[in-house]
N, C-alpha and C. Protein backbone atom coordinates (compact mmCIF):
# COMPACT_ATOMS: atom_id res chain seq x y z
N UNK A 1 11.34 -27.46 -28.14
CA UNK A 1 12.39 -26.95 -27.28
C UNK A 1 13.74 -27.33 -27.90
N UNK A 2 14.48 -26.33 -28.33
CA UNK A 2 15.75 -26.63 -28.97
C UNK A 2 16.95 -26.18 -28.16
N UNK A 3 16.74 -25.81 -26.88
CA UNK A 3 17.85 -25.46 -26.03
C UNK A 3 18.24 -24.00 -26.07
N UNK A 4 17.58 -23.17 -26.88
CA UNK A 4 17.87 -21.74 -26.89
C UNK A 4 17.45 -21.13 -25.56
N UNK A 5 18.13 -20.05 -25.17
CA UNK A 5 17.76 -19.41 -23.91
C UNK A 5 16.33 -18.87 -23.95
N UNK A 6 15.80 -18.56 -25.14
CA UNK A 6 14.43 -18.06 -25.26
C UNK A 6 13.40 -19.14 -24.97
N UNK A 7 13.81 -20.42 -25.02
CA UNK A 7 12.88 -21.50 -24.73
C UNK A 7 12.54 -21.57 -23.25
N UNK A 8 13.41 -21.03 -22.41
CA UNK A 8 13.20 -21.07 -20.97
C UNK A 8 13.36 -19.66 -20.41
N UNK A 9 12.35 -18.81 -20.58
CA UNK A 9 12.46 -17.42 -20.17
C UNK A 9 12.81 -17.28 -18.69
N UNK A 10 13.41 -16.17 -18.36
CA UNK A 10 13.80 -15.88 -16.99
C UNK A 10 12.56 -15.84 -16.10
N UNK A 11 12.70 -16.38 -14.90
CA UNK A 11 11.63 -16.33 -13.92
C UNK A 11 11.47 -14.89 -13.46
N UNK A 12 10.27 -14.37 -13.52
CA UNK A 12 10.03 -12.97 -13.19
C UNK A 12 9.57 -12.77 -11.75
N UNK A 13 9.95 -13.66 -10.87
CA UNK A 13 9.64 -13.50 -9.45
C UNK A 13 8.63 -14.52 -8.97
N UNK A 14 8.46 -14.59 -7.64
CA UNK A 14 7.53 -15.57 -7.08
C UNK A 14 6.09 -15.18 -7.33
N UNK A 15 5.25 -16.20 -7.45
CA UNK A 15 3.81 -15.95 -7.58
C UNK A 15 3.29 -15.44 -6.26
N UNK A 16 2.41 -14.44 -6.32
CA UNK A 16 1.83 -13.91 -5.09
C UNK A 16 0.90 -14.95 -4.46
N UNK A 17 0.17 -15.69 -5.27
CA UNK A 17 -0.73 -16.74 -4.79
C UNK A 17 -0.41 -18.02 -5.56
N UNK A 18 0.59 -18.79 -5.10
CA UNK A 18 1.00 -19.96 -5.88
C UNK A 18 -0.08 -21.02 -6.06
N UNK A 19 -1.12 -21.00 -5.20
CA UNK A 19 -2.17 -22.01 -5.33
C UNK A 19 -3.16 -21.68 -6.44
N UNK A 20 -3.15 -20.45 -6.95
CA UNK A 20 -4.07 -20.04 -8.00
C UNK A 20 -3.48 -20.43 -9.35
N UNK A 21 -4.32 -20.97 -10.21
CA UNK A 21 -3.88 -21.45 -11.53
C UNK A 21 -4.86 -20.98 -12.60
N UNK A 22 -4.42 -20.98 -13.86
CA UNK A 22 -5.34 -20.60 -14.95
C UNK A 22 -6.63 -21.43 -14.96
N UNK A 23 -6.55 -22.70 -14.58
CA UNK A 23 -7.74 -23.56 -14.62
C UNK A 23 -8.80 -23.15 -13.59
N UNK A 24 -8.44 -22.24 -12.67
CA UNK A 24 -9.41 -21.73 -11.69
C UNK A 24 -10.37 -20.72 -12.30
N UNK A 25 -10.10 -20.33 -13.56
CA UNK A 25 -10.88 -19.29 -14.22
C UNK A 25 -11.54 -19.82 -15.49
N UNK A 26 -12.70 -19.27 -15.78
CA UNK A 26 -13.34 -19.47 -17.08
C UNK A 26 -13.09 -18.18 -17.85
N UNK A 27 -12.31 -18.27 -18.92
CA UNK A 27 -11.97 -17.10 -19.72
C UNK A 27 -13.09 -16.87 -20.73
N UNK A 28 -13.73 -15.70 -20.66
CA UNK A 28 -14.94 -15.43 -21.43
C UNK A 28 -14.69 -14.72 -22.75
N UNK A 29 -13.90 -13.64 -22.73
CA UNK A 29 -13.62 -12.92 -23.98
C UNK A 29 -12.44 -11.98 -23.78
N UNK A 30 -11.85 -11.58 -24.91
CA UNK A 30 -10.76 -10.61 -24.90
C UNK A 30 -11.38 -9.21 -24.76
N UNK A 31 -10.88 -8.44 -23.79
CA UNK A 31 -11.39 -7.07 -23.61
C UNK A 31 -10.31 -6.02 -23.84
N UNK A 32 -9.08 -6.47 -24.13
CA UNK A 32 -7.99 -5.54 -24.43
C UNK A 32 -6.78 -6.27 -24.95
N UNK A 33 -5.96 -5.57 -25.73
CA UNK A 33 -4.73 -6.16 -26.26
C UNK A 33 -3.59 -5.18 -26.08
N UNK A 34 -2.39 -5.73 -25.86
CA UNK A 34 -1.21 -4.89 -25.70
C UNK A 34 0.00 -5.53 -26.35
N UNK A 35 1.16 -4.96 -26.11
CA UNK A 35 2.40 -5.42 -26.73
C UNK A 35 2.80 -6.82 -26.28
N UNK A 36 2.51 -7.14 -25.03
CA UNK A 36 3.01 -8.39 -24.46
C UNK A 36 1.93 -9.44 -24.23
N UNK A 37 0.70 -9.11 -24.53
CA UNK A 37 -0.36 -10.07 -24.28
C UNK A 37 -1.72 -9.43 -24.42
N UNK A 38 -2.67 -9.94 -23.63
CA UNK A 38 -4.04 -9.44 -23.72
C UNK A 38 -4.70 -9.42 -22.36
N UNK A 39 -5.82 -8.73 -22.29
CA UNK A 39 -6.63 -8.69 -21.08
C UNK A 39 -7.93 -9.42 -21.39
N UNK A 40 -8.26 -10.38 -20.54
CA UNK A 40 -9.44 -11.21 -20.74
C UNK A 40 -10.45 -10.99 -19.62
N UNK A 41 -11.70 -10.97 -19.98
CA UNK A 41 -12.76 -11.02 -18.98
C UNK A 41 -12.84 -12.48 -18.55
N UNK A 42 -12.78 -12.71 -17.24
CA UNK A 42 -12.79 -14.08 -16.73
C UNK A 42 -13.68 -14.16 -15.50
N UNK A 43 -14.16 -15.36 -15.27
CA UNK A 43 -14.95 -15.64 -14.07
C UNK A 43 -14.19 -16.65 -13.23
N UNK A 44 -13.98 -16.32 -11.95
CA UNK A 44 -13.35 -17.27 -11.04
C UNK A 44 -14.38 -18.35 -10.73
N UNK A 45 -14.04 -19.59 -10.98
CA UNK A 45 -15.02 -20.67 -10.90
C UNK A 45 -15.56 -20.89 -9.48
N UNK A 46 -14.73 -20.71 -8.46
CA UNK A 46 -15.18 -20.93 -7.09
C UNK A 46 -15.85 -19.68 -6.52
N UNK A 47 -15.20 -18.52 -6.70
CA UNK A 47 -15.74 -17.26 -6.15
C UNK A 47 -16.94 -16.74 -6.93
N UNK A 48 -17.08 -17.18 -8.19
CA UNK A 48 -18.13 -16.70 -9.10
C UNK A 48 -18.10 -15.18 -9.24
N UNK A 49 -16.87 -14.64 -9.34
CA UNK A 49 -16.67 -13.19 -9.52
C UNK A 49 -16.03 -12.94 -10.88
N UNK A 50 -16.37 -11.80 -11.47
CA UNK A 50 -15.75 -11.39 -12.73
C UNK A 50 -14.47 -10.63 -12.44
N UNK A 51 -13.44 -10.92 -13.23
CA UNK A 51 -12.14 -10.25 -13.13
C UNK A 51 -11.64 -9.91 -14.52
N UNK A 52 -10.75 -8.94 -14.58
CA UNK A 52 -9.98 -8.68 -15.80
C UNK A 52 -8.64 -9.36 -15.57
N UNK A 53 -8.29 -10.31 -16.42
CA UNK A 53 -7.04 -11.05 -16.25
C UNK A 53 -6.08 -10.62 -17.35
N UNK A 54 -5.00 -9.98 -16.93
CA UNK A 54 -3.95 -9.55 -17.86
C UNK A 54 -2.99 -10.72 -18.01
N UNK A 55 -2.90 -11.25 -19.23
CA UNK A 55 -2.05 -12.41 -19.52
C UNK A 55 -0.89 -11.93 -20.39
N UNK A 56 0.32 -12.05 -19.86
CA UNK A 56 1.52 -11.55 -20.54
C UNK A 56 2.41 -12.70 -20.97
N UNK A 57 2.93 -12.62 -22.18
CA UNK A 57 3.82 -13.65 -22.72
C UNK A 57 5.24 -13.36 -22.24
N UNK A 58 5.83 -14.28 -21.46
CA UNK A 58 7.18 -14.06 -20.94
C UNK A 58 8.19 -13.89 -22.06
N UNK A 59 8.06 -14.67 -23.11
CA UNK A 59 9.03 -14.60 -24.20
C UNK A 59 9.05 -13.20 -24.83
N UNK A 60 7.89 -12.61 -25.04
CA UNK A 60 7.82 -11.26 -25.62
C UNK A 60 8.42 -10.23 -24.66
N UNK A 61 8.18 -10.41 -23.36
CA UNK A 61 8.73 -9.50 -22.35
C UNK A 61 10.26 -9.56 -22.37
N UNK A 62 10.79 -10.76 -22.39
CA UNK A 62 12.25 -10.93 -22.34
C UNK A 62 12.89 -10.46 -23.64
N UNK A 63 12.24 -10.72 -24.76
CA UNK A 63 12.79 -10.32 -26.06
C UNK A 63 12.95 -8.80 -26.14
N UNK A 64 12.03 -8.07 -25.52
CA UNK A 64 12.08 -6.59 -25.56
C UNK A 64 12.74 -6.00 -24.31
N UNK A 65 13.32 -6.84 -23.48
CA UNK A 65 14.01 -6.35 -22.27
C UNK A 65 13.08 -5.54 -21.36
N UNK A 66 11.88 -6.01 -21.15
CA UNK A 66 10.88 -5.25 -20.40
C UNK A 66 10.55 -5.85 -19.03
N UNK A 67 11.35 -6.81 -18.58
CA UNK A 67 11.05 -7.47 -17.30
C UNK A 67 10.96 -6.48 -16.15
N UNK A 68 11.83 -5.46 -16.14
CA UNK A 68 11.80 -4.50 -15.01
C UNK A 68 10.50 -3.70 -15.01
N UNK A 69 9.95 -3.39 -16.20
CA UNK A 69 8.68 -2.66 -16.24
C UNK A 69 7.52 -3.53 -15.74
N UNK A 70 7.55 -4.80 -16.10
CA UNK A 70 6.49 -5.71 -15.67
C UNK A 70 6.54 -5.89 -14.16
N UNK A 71 7.75 -6.04 -13.62
CA UNK A 71 7.88 -6.20 -12.17
C UNK A 71 7.52 -4.90 -11.44
N UNK A 72 7.84 -3.75 -12.04
CA UNK A 72 7.43 -2.47 -11.45
C UNK A 72 5.91 -2.39 -11.41
N UNK A 73 5.27 -2.82 -12.50
CA UNK A 73 3.80 -2.82 -12.54
C UNK A 73 3.24 -3.69 -11.43
N UNK A 74 3.80 -4.89 -11.27
CA UNK A 74 3.32 -5.79 -10.23
C UNK A 74 3.53 -5.18 -8.84
N UNK A 75 4.70 -4.60 -8.61
CA UNK A 75 4.98 -3.98 -7.31
C UNK A 75 4.00 -2.86 -7.01
N UNK A 76 3.73 -2.02 -8.00
CA UNK A 76 2.79 -0.92 -7.81
C UNK A 76 1.39 -1.46 -7.56
N UNK A 77 0.99 -2.47 -8.32
CA UNK A 77 -0.34 -3.07 -8.13
C UNK A 77 -0.49 -3.62 -6.71
N UNK A 78 0.57 -4.21 -6.18
CA UNK A 78 0.49 -4.77 -4.83
C UNK A 78 0.28 -3.68 -3.77
N UNK A 79 0.68 -2.46 -4.08
CA UNK A 79 0.51 -1.34 -3.13
C UNK A 79 -0.81 -0.60 -3.32
N UNK A 80 -1.54 -0.87 -4.38
CA UNK A 80 -2.73 -0.09 -4.75
C UNK A 80 -4.01 -0.46 -4.04
N UNK A 81 -4.01 -1.49 -3.25
CA UNK A 81 -5.26 -2.00 -2.70
C UNK A 81 -5.99 -0.99 -1.83
N UNK A 82 -5.35 0.09 -1.44
CA UNK A 82 -5.93 1.05 -0.52
C UNK A 82 -6.74 2.16 -1.20
N UNK A 83 -6.72 2.25 -2.52
CA UNK A 83 -7.30 3.44 -3.15
C UNK A 83 -8.43 3.11 -4.12
N UNK A 84 -9.57 3.81 -4.01
CA UNK A 84 -10.73 3.49 -4.85
C UNK A 84 -10.57 3.86 -6.33
N UNK A 85 -9.60 4.72 -6.67
CA UNK A 85 -9.46 5.15 -8.06
C UNK A 85 -8.27 4.50 -8.75
N UNK A 86 -7.75 3.43 -8.16
CA UNK A 86 -6.67 2.65 -8.77
C UNK A 86 -7.15 1.22 -8.91
N UNK A 87 -6.89 0.62 -10.06
CA UNK A 87 -7.32 -0.77 -10.27
C UNK A 87 -6.63 -1.66 -9.23
N UNK A 88 -7.38 -2.61 -8.70
CA UNK A 88 -6.85 -3.49 -7.66
C UNK A 88 -6.38 -4.82 -8.22
N UNK A 89 -5.31 -5.34 -7.62
CA UNK A 89 -4.78 -6.66 -7.97
C UNK A 89 -5.30 -7.67 -6.95
N UNK A 90 -5.92 -8.72 -7.43
CA UNK A 90 -6.43 -9.76 -6.54
C UNK A 90 -5.48 -10.94 -6.44
N UNK A 91 -4.90 -11.33 -7.57
CA UNK A 91 -3.94 -12.43 -7.61
C UNK A 91 -2.89 -12.12 -8.66
N UNK A 92 -1.69 -12.66 -8.45
CA UNK A 92 -0.71 -12.71 -9.54
C UNK A 92 -0.06 -14.08 -9.46
N UNK A 93 0.12 -14.69 -10.62
CA UNK A 93 0.74 -16.01 -10.68
C UNK A 93 1.33 -16.19 -12.05
N UNK A 94 2.06 -17.29 -12.23
CA UNK A 94 2.70 -17.53 -13.52
C UNK A 94 2.73 -19.00 -13.86
N UNK A 95 2.85 -19.25 -15.15
CA UNK A 95 3.11 -20.58 -15.69
C UNK A 95 4.49 -20.48 -16.32
N UNK A 96 5.03 -21.56 -16.86
CA UNK A 96 6.37 -21.44 -17.46
C UNK A 96 6.47 -20.40 -18.57
N UNK A 97 5.38 -20.13 -19.29
CA UNK A 97 5.48 -19.19 -20.41
C UNK A 97 4.64 -17.91 -20.27
N UNK A 98 3.83 -17.80 -19.21
CA UNK A 98 2.95 -16.63 -19.08
C UNK A 98 2.92 -16.10 -17.66
N UNK A 99 2.64 -14.79 -17.57
CA UNK A 99 2.36 -14.13 -16.29
C UNK A 99 0.89 -13.75 -16.28
N UNK A 100 0.27 -13.83 -15.12
CA UNK A 100 -1.14 -13.50 -14.97
C UNK A 100 -1.31 -12.48 -13.85
N UNK A 101 -1.98 -11.37 -14.16
CA UNK A 101 -2.40 -10.40 -13.15
C UNK A 101 -3.92 -10.42 -13.15
N UNK A 102 -4.51 -10.82 -12.04
CA UNK A 102 -5.96 -10.88 -11.91
C UNK A 102 -6.41 -9.59 -11.23
N UNK A 103 -7.08 -8.74 -12.01
CA UNK A 103 -7.40 -7.37 -11.61
C UNK A 103 -8.90 -7.16 -11.47
N UNK A 104 -9.26 -6.05 -10.84
CA UNK A 104 -10.67 -5.64 -10.81
C UNK A 104 -11.18 -5.57 -12.25
N UNK A 105 -12.39 -6.05 -12.46
CA UNK A 105 -13.04 -5.85 -13.75
C UNK A 105 -13.80 -4.54 -13.66
N UNK A 106 -13.39 -3.57 -14.48
CA UNK A 106 -14.00 -2.24 -14.49
C UNK A 106 -14.80 -2.15 -15.79
N UNK A 107 -16.13 -2.13 -15.67
CA UNK A 107 -16.98 -2.37 -16.84
C UNK A 107 -17.52 -1.13 -17.55
N UNK A 108 -17.05 0.06 -17.20
CA UNK A 108 -17.59 1.27 -17.83
C UNK A 108 -16.85 1.72 -19.08
N UNK A 109 -15.78 1.03 -19.44
CA UNK A 109 -15.03 1.39 -20.63
C UNK A 109 -13.96 2.44 -20.38
N UNK A 110 -13.15 2.67 -21.41
CA UNK A 110 -12.07 3.65 -21.32
C UNK A 110 -12.63 5.06 -21.44
N UNK A 111 -12.00 5.99 -20.73
CA UNK A 111 -12.36 7.40 -20.86
C UNK A 111 -12.19 7.84 -22.32
N UNK A 112 -11.20 7.27 -23.00
CA UNK A 112 -10.95 7.56 -24.41
C UNK A 112 -12.20 7.30 -25.25
N UNK A 113 -12.84 6.16 -25.02
CA UNK A 113 -14.06 5.80 -25.75
C UNK A 113 -15.16 6.84 -25.52
N UNK A 114 -15.36 7.22 -24.27
CA UNK A 114 -16.41 8.19 -23.94
C UNK A 114 -16.10 9.57 -24.52
N UNK A 115 -14.83 9.94 -24.50
CA UNK A 115 -14.43 11.24 -25.05
C UNK A 115 -14.61 11.26 -26.57
N UNK A 116 -14.26 10.16 -27.23
CA UNK A 116 -14.47 10.08 -28.68
C UNK A 116 -15.95 10.16 -29.03
N UNK A 117 -16.76 9.45 -28.28
CA UNK A 117 -18.20 9.39 -28.55
C UNK A 117 -18.88 10.74 -28.28
N UNK A 118 -18.48 11.40 -27.19
CA UNK A 118 -19.15 12.64 -26.80
C UNK A 118 -18.43 13.90 -27.27
N UNK A 119 -17.22 13.75 -27.78
CA UNK A 119 -16.37 14.84 -28.30
C UNK A 119 -15.81 15.76 -27.22
N UNK A 120 -16.55 16.09 -26.21
CA UNK A 120 -16.05 16.86 -25.07
C UNK A 120 -16.96 16.59 -23.88
N UNK A 121 -16.45 16.88 -22.69
CA UNK A 121 -17.25 16.72 -21.48
C UNK A 121 -17.64 18.10 -20.95
N UNK A 122 -18.83 18.22 -20.37
CA UNK A 122 -19.18 19.47 -19.70
C UNK A 122 -18.16 19.75 -18.59
N UNK A 123 -17.98 21.01 -18.26
CA UNK A 123 -16.95 21.39 -17.29
C UNK A 123 -17.11 20.67 -15.95
N UNK A 124 -18.33 20.53 -15.45
CA UNK A 124 -18.53 19.87 -14.15
C UNK A 124 -18.03 18.42 -14.18
N UNK A 125 -18.23 17.76 -15.31
CA UNK A 125 -17.79 16.36 -15.43
C UNK A 125 -16.28 16.28 -15.57
N UNK A 126 -15.69 17.18 -16.35
CA UNK A 126 -14.23 17.22 -16.49
C UNK A 126 -13.58 17.48 -15.13
N UNK A 127 -14.16 18.39 -14.35
CA UNK A 127 -13.63 18.67 -13.01
C UNK A 127 -13.71 17.44 -12.11
N UNK A 128 -14.83 16.75 -12.21
CA UNK A 128 -15.03 15.53 -11.41
C UNK A 128 -13.94 14.51 -11.72
N UNK A 129 -13.72 14.24 -13.01
CA UNK A 129 -12.67 13.29 -13.40
C UNK A 129 -11.30 13.79 -12.98
N UNK A 130 -11.03 15.08 -13.16
CA UNK A 130 -9.72 15.64 -12.78
C UNK A 130 -9.48 15.50 -11.28
N UNK A 131 -10.50 15.72 -10.48
CA UNK A 131 -10.36 15.59 -9.02
C UNK A 131 -10.04 14.15 -8.63
N UNK A 132 -10.73 13.20 -9.27
CA UNK A 132 -10.46 11.79 -8.95
C UNK A 132 -9.07 11.38 -9.43
N UNK A 133 -8.64 11.87 -10.60
CA UNK A 133 -7.28 11.58 -11.07
C UNK A 133 -6.25 12.17 -10.12
N UNK A 134 -6.48 13.40 -9.67
CA UNK A 134 -5.55 14.04 -8.74
C UNK A 134 -5.46 13.24 -7.44
N UNK A 135 -6.58 12.72 -6.98
CA UNK A 135 -6.59 11.90 -5.77
C UNK A 135 -5.76 10.63 -5.97
N UNK A 136 -5.96 9.95 -7.10
CA UNK A 136 -5.21 8.73 -7.40
C UNK A 136 -3.72 9.01 -7.53
N UNK A 137 -3.37 10.06 -8.28
CA UNK A 137 -1.96 10.41 -8.47
C UNK A 137 -1.33 10.87 -7.16
N UNK A 138 -2.06 11.62 -6.36
CA UNK A 138 -1.55 12.06 -5.06
C UNK A 138 -1.26 10.88 -4.15
N UNK A 139 -2.13 9.87 -4.19
CA UNK A 139 -1.90 8.66 -3.39
C UNK A 139 -0.63 7.96 -3.84
N UNK A 140 -0.46 7.80 -5.15
CA UNK A 140 0.77 7.18 -5.66
C UNK A 140 1.99 7.99 -5.24
N UNK A 141 1.91 9.30 -5.34
CA UNK A 141 3.04 10.16 -4.94
C UNK A 141 3.36 9.98 -3.46
N UNK A 142 2.33 9.77 -2.64
CA UNK A 142 2.57 9.56 -1.20
C UNK A 142 3.34 8.27 -0.95
N UNK A 143 3.30 7.36 -1.91
CA UNK A 143 4.06 6.10 -1.83
C UNK A 143 5.39 6.21 -2.59
N UNK A 144 5.74 7.43 -3.01
CA UNK A 144 6.96 7.69 -3.80
C UNK A 144 6.95 6.96 -5.14
N UNK A 145 5.76 6.90 -5.74
CA UNK A 145 5.58 6.29 -7.05
C UNK A 145 5.13 7.38 -8.02
N UNK A 146 5.80 7.47 -9.15
CA UNK A 146 5.43 8.42 -10.20
C UNK A 146 4.74 7.65 -11.31
N UNK A 147 3.51 8.05 -11.63
CA UNK A 147 2.74 7.44 -12.72
C UNK A 147 3.08 8.21 -13.99
N UNK A 148 3.60 7.50 -15.02
CA UNK A 148 4.12 8.20 -16.20
C UNK A 148 3.40 7.82 -17.49
N UNK A 149 2.18 7.36 -17.40
CA UNK A 149 1.46 6.96 -18.61
C UNK A 149 0.01 7.43 -18.57
N UNK A 150 -0.18 8.68 -18.14
CA UNK A 150 -1.53 9.21 -18.02
C UNK A 150 -2.07 9.60 -19.39
N UNK A 151 -3.10 8.89 -19.82
CA UNK A 151 -3.77 9.15 -21.10
C UNK A 151 -5.17 8.56 -21.00
N UNK A 152 -6.10 9.03 -21.81
CA UNK A 152 -7.49 8.57 -21.70
C UNK A 152 -7.66 7.05 -21.84
N UNK A 153 -6.76 6.39 -22.56
CA UNK A 153 -6.86 4.93 -22.72
C UNK A 153 -6.56 4.19 -21.42
N UNK A 154 -5.84 4.82 -20.49
CA UNK A 154 -5.47 4.18 -19.23
C UNK A 154 -6.36 4.62 -18.06
N UNK A 155 -7.42 5.33 -18.39
CA UNK A 155 -8.39 5.74 -17.37
C UNK A 155 -9.71 5.05 -17.71
N UNK A 156 -10.14 4.18 -16.82
CA UNK A 156 -11.39 3.45 -17.02
C UNK A 156 -12.49 4.10 -16.19
N UNK A 157 -13.72 3.87 -16.58
CA UNK A 157 -14.87 4.30 -15.79
C UNK A 157 -15.56 3.07 -15.21
N UNK A 158 -15.89 3.14 -13.93
CA UNK A 158 -16.59 2.01 -13.33
C UNK A 158 -18.10 2.13 -13.58
N UNK A 159 -18.86 1.22 -13.04
CA UNK A 159 -20.30 1.18 -13.32
C UNK A 159 -21.05 2.37 -12.74
N UNK A 160 -20.43 3.10 -11.82
CA UNK A 160 -21.09 4.27 -11.23
C UNK A 160 -20.50 5.58 -11.73
N UNK A 161 -19.59 5.51 -12.71
CA UNK A 161 -19.05 6.72 -13.32
C UNK A 161 -17.78 7.27 -12.70
N UNK A 162 -17.20 6.53 -11.76
CA UNK A 162 -15.93 6.97 -11.16
C UNK A 162 -14.76 6.47 -12.00
N UNK A 163 -13.64 7.21 -11.96
CA UNK A 163 -12.48 6.80 -12.74
C UNK A 163 -11.69 5.73 -11.98
N UNK A 164 -11.01 4.90 -12.76
CA UNK A 164 -10.09 3.90 -12.22
C UNK A 164 -8.86 3.93 -13.11
N UNK A 165 -7.73 4.28 -12.51
CA UNK A 165 -6.46 4.35 -13.24
C UNK A 165 -5.89 2.95 -13.37
N UNK A 166 -5.37 2.63 -14.55
CA UNK A 166 -4.82 1.31 -14.81
C UNK A 166 -3.52 1.43 -15.59
N UNK A 167 -2.82 0.33 -15.77
CA UNK A 167 -1.57 0.21 -16.53
C UNK A 167 -0.42 0.95 -15.85
N UNK A 168 0.26 0.24 -14.98
CA UNK A 168 1.33 0.81 -14.17
C UNK A 168 2.73 0.42 -14.64
N UNK A 169 2.83 -0.04 -15.89
CA UNK A 169 4.12 -0.51 -16.41
C UNK A 169 5.20 0.55 -16.52
N UNK A 170 4.83 1.82 -16.68
CA UNK A 170 5.83 2.88 -16.79
C UNK A 170 6.05 3.63 -15.48
N UNK A 171 5.44 3.15 -14.40
CA UNK A 171 5.63 3.81 -13.10
C UNK A 171 7.09 3.74 -12.67
N UNK A 172 7.49 4.73 -11.94
CA UNK A 172 8.84 4.78 -11.38
C UNK A 172 8.68 4.82 -9.87
N UNK A 173 9.32 3.86 -9.19
CA UNK A 173 9.25 3.79 -7.74
C UNK A 173 10.46 4.48 -7.11
N UNK A 174 10.30 4.91 -5.87
CA UNK A 174 11.41 5.45 -5.10
C UNK A 174 11.78 6.88 -5.43
N UNK A 175 10.88 7.63 -6.06
CA UNK A 175 11.15 9.04 -6.37
C UNK A 175 10.67 9.87 -5.17
N UNK A 176 11.61 10.46 -4.45
CA UNK A 176 11.30 11.16 -3.20
C UNK A 176 11.43 12.66 -3.38
N UNK A 177 10.53 13.40 -2.72
CA UNK A 177 10.61 14.86 -2.71
C UNK A 177 10.60 15.46 -4.10
N UNK A 178 11.62 16.23 -4.41
CA UNK A 178 11.73 16.89 -5.71
C UNK A 178 12.50 16.04 -6.71
N UNK A 179 12.67 14.75 -6.43
CA UNK A 179 13.40 13.86 -7.32
C UNK A 179 12.80 13.83 -8.71
N UNK A 180 13.62 13.58 -9.69
CA UNK A 180 13.16 13.52 -11.08
C UNK A 180 13.62 12.22 -11.71
N UNK A 181 13.13 11.98 -12.89
CA UNK A 181 13.53 10.83 -13.68
C UNK A 181 13.78 11.32 -15.10
N UNK A 182 14.66 10.64 -15.81
CA UNK A 182 15.02 11.14 -17.15
C UNK A 182 14.69 10.15 -18.26
N UNK A 183 14.03 9.05 -17.92
CA UNK A 183 13.67 8.06 -18.92
C UNK A 183 12.61 8.61 -19.86
N UNK A 184 12.78 8.38 -21.18
CA UNK A 184 11.76 8.80 -22.14
C UNK A 184 10.56 7.87 -22.02
N UNK A 185 9.37 8.43 -21.92
CA UNK A 185 8.12 7.67 -21.89
C UNK A 185 7.19 8.24 -22.93
N UNK A 186 6.47 7.39 -23.62
CA UNK A 186 5.48 7.87 -24.58
C UNK A 186 5.89 7.56 -26.00
N UNK A 187 5.15 8.13 -26.92
CA UNK A 187 5.36 7.90 -28.34
C UNK A 187 6.02 9.13 -28.95
N UNK A 188 7.18 8.97 -29.61
CA UNK A 188 7.80 10.14 -30.24
C UNK A 188 6.92 10.66 -31.37
N UNK A 189 6.76 11.96 -31.45
CA UNK A 189 5.92 12.57 -32.48
C UNK A 189 6.77 12.98 -33.66
């Protein structure tokens, strides 16, 4: 610690469950990686339940000026508990250098993986996935939330073949009626 402002990152808000700590989990393996951290398969030691724990490095978030996206993701996750096709947040907490989102563990893999492996889906299956995505997006819209990162990598399949939408970092809250947003999202081609 040399006194730089980066040594003491900005607090990104109160922990939803301050009594929950990293030591409450047994971290089993990495199941995903992103710009700010990774997603780990973990077992809650007391509950004996499997979770996907998204661990984000505060320093990386602050360095890239992404705190508002992380907090938007947390806010959206807190509202998602009502819908079967949206990943659920069970706990959120932080340490001085990391943020933790304890999410549903969805074990069927990314839609991207299945699409790559199978090359295309039969029409009935594509319709099924489209209907579930429309249901999830419609629910978010009813909460005035716009989901802006729809891609096969952010659509998971659960153990029974239903879709689960994940990664809410680019969501925009408070968009009412015919409201629009002008922020660029995605990868420039």
